[in-house]
Amino acid sequence: KADPAKLPIEQHRTPDGCVLQAPKAALQVSWYAERDDAPASLHVVVWKGVVSRRGAPPRGGAAVVHEEVYSPAEAPTEDKVWQRADGTRLDTQSLADHCLALLETQSQA
């Protein structure tokens, strides 16, 4: 099992988040602020392949293989807590660890 910290990962900012690109997989995290028609949400998308950056030529194609959506949740502590529709709750560090594990799993697929 590869250590996610040792994967060769490119980091790219997007207007609403970031993309972590490994050689065979990518992880995209996007934040959407609250609007009149939708609550605030954090979207986590796992891609198979290489994601093309906005305005750059295609780099080999990519396909979405997994997606999760989190909403900010009230927490009894000062740390941010994120909740999925299925009730899963993660603090910020646990969510970051979970995201890296998702990227590692897809990188090894």
Protein backbone atom coordinates (compact mmCIF):
# COMPACT_ATOMS: atom_id res chain seq x y z
CA LYS A 1 0.00 0.00 0.00
CA ALA A 2 1.43 3.36 -1.04
CA ASP A 3 1.82 6.18 1.45
CA PRO A 4 -0.36 9.02 0.09
CA ALA A 5 2.23 11.55 1.24
CA LYS A 6 4.75 9.86 -1.10
CA LEU A 7 2.57 9.78 -4.22
CA PRO A 8 3.78 12.26 -6.87
CA ILE A 9 0.90 14.71 -6.63
CA GLU A 10 0.43 17.97 -8.52
CA GLN A 11 -1.66 20.58 -6.72
CA HIS A 12 -3.86 22.98 -8.69
CA ARG A 13 -6.20 25.71 -7.47
CA THR A 14 -9.61 26.16 -9.04
CA PRO A 15 -11.96 29.13 -8.64
CA ASP A 16 -13.92 27.25 -5.98
CA GLY A 17 -11.44 24.68 -4.60
CA CYS A 18 -8.48 22.55 -5.59
CA VAL A 19 -7.41 19.47 -7.54
CA LEU A 20 -4.80 16.96 -6.41
CA GLN A 21 -3.54 15.10 -9.50
CA ALA A 22 -1.70 11.80 -9.06
CA PRO A 23 -0.35 9.90 -12.10
CA LYS A 24 -3.52 7.80 -12.65
CA ALA A 25 -6.16 9.53 -10.52
CA ALA A 26 -7.27 12.91 -9.21
CA LEU A 27 -9.20 14.32 -6.28
CA GLN A 28 -11.20 17.51 -6.65
CA VAL A 29 -12.57 19.41 -3.66
CA SER A 30 -14.93 22.32 -4.33
CA TRP A 31 -16.69 24.67 -1.92
CA TYR A 32 -20.05 26.17 -2.84
CA ALA A 33 -21.25 29.04 -0.66
CA GLU A 34 -24.83 29.25 0.52
CA ARG A 35 -27.28 30.69 -2.03
CA ASP A 36 -30.97 31.46 -1.90
CA ASP A 37 -31.76 28.14 -3.60
CA ALA A 38 -29.06 25.91 -2.02
CA PRO A 39 -27.22 25.52 1.29
CA ALA A 40 -23.42 25.68 1.51
CA SER A 41 -21.71 22.44 0.52
CA LEU A 42 -18.33 20.83 0.04
CA HIS A 43 -18.06 18.49 -2.97
CA VAL A 44 -15.42 15.76 -3.11
CA VAL A 45 -14.95 14.12 -6.52
CA VAL A 46 -12.58 11.25 -7.34
CA TRP A 47 -11.47 10.92 -10.95
CA LYS A 48 -9.86 8.05 -12.85
CA GLY A 49 -7.22 9.43 -15.19
CA VAL A 50 -5.79 12.90 -15.67
CA VAL A 51 -8.06 15.91 -15.22
CA SER A 52 -7.56 18.72 -17.72
CA ARG A 53 -7.02 22.12 -16.18
CA ARG A 54 -9.27 24.96 -17.27
CA GLY A 55 -7.81 26.64 -20.35
CA ALA A 56 -5.18 23.91 -20.87
CA PRO A 57 -5.15 21.32 -23.66
CA PRO A 58 -6.61 17.88 -22.77
CA ARG A 59 -4.14 15.66 -20.91
CA GLY A 60 -5.53 12.19 -21.52
CA GLY A 61 -9.07 12.25 -20.28
CA ALA A 62 -10.66 11.50 -16.95
CA ALA A 63 -13.90 10.02 -15.66
CA VAL A 64 -15.69 10.55 -12.34
CA VAL A 65 -15.65 7.35 -10.27
CA HIS A 66 -16.90 8.61 -6.90
CA GLU A 67 -18.55 11.70 -5.47
CA GLU A 68 -19.45 12.82 -1.95
CA VAL A 69 -21.21 15.98 -0.79
CA TYR A 70 -20.79 17.41 2.70
CA SER A 71 -22.58 20.21 4.52
CA PRO A 72 -21.25 22.15 7.49
CA ALA A 73 -22.72 20.65 10.68
CA GLU A 74 -23.15 22.12 14.12
CA ALA A 75 -20.49 20.72 16.41
CA PRO A 76 -20.02 20.74 20.18
CA THR A 77 -16.39 21.80 19.64
CA GLU A 78 -14.71 24.70 17.84
CA ASP A 79 -13.48 22.39 15.04
CA LYS A 80 -15.52 22.34 11.84
CA VAL A 81 -17.61 19.22 11.33
CA TRP A 82 -18.83 18.06 7.92
CA GLN A 83 -21.85 15.83 7.37
CA ARG A 84 -22.95 13.72 4.38
CA ALA A 85 -26.61 13.05 3.59
CA ASP A 86 -26.20 9.52 5.03
CA GLY A 87 -25.36 11.04 8.43
CA THR A 88 -21.60 10.40 8.31
CA ARG A 89 -19.84 13.20 10.24
CA LEU A 90 -16.14 14.02 9.98
CA ASP A 91 -14.06 16.76 11.54
CA THR A 92 -11.77 18.70 9.21
CA GLN A 93 -8.68 16.53 9.80
CA SER A 94 -10.67 13.31 9.41
CA LEU A 95 -12.17 14.62 6.17
CA ALA A 96 -8.70 15.52 4.84
CA ASP A 97 -7.44 12.03 5.75
CA HIS A 98 -10.50 10.47 4.11
CA CYS A 99 -9.89 12.46 0.91
CA LEU A 100 -6.26 11.36 0.73
CA ALA A 101 -7.36 7.75 1.27
CA LEU A 102 -9.85 8.08 -1.60
CA LEU A 103 -7.08 9.39 -3.87
CA GLU A 104 -4.72 6.62 -2.81
CA THR A 105 -7.35 3.92 -3.40
CA GLN A 106 -8.12 5.19 -6.90
CA SER A 107 -4.40 5.58 -7.66
CA GLN A 108 -3.89 1.91 -6.83
CA ALA A 109 -6.93 0.72 -8.87
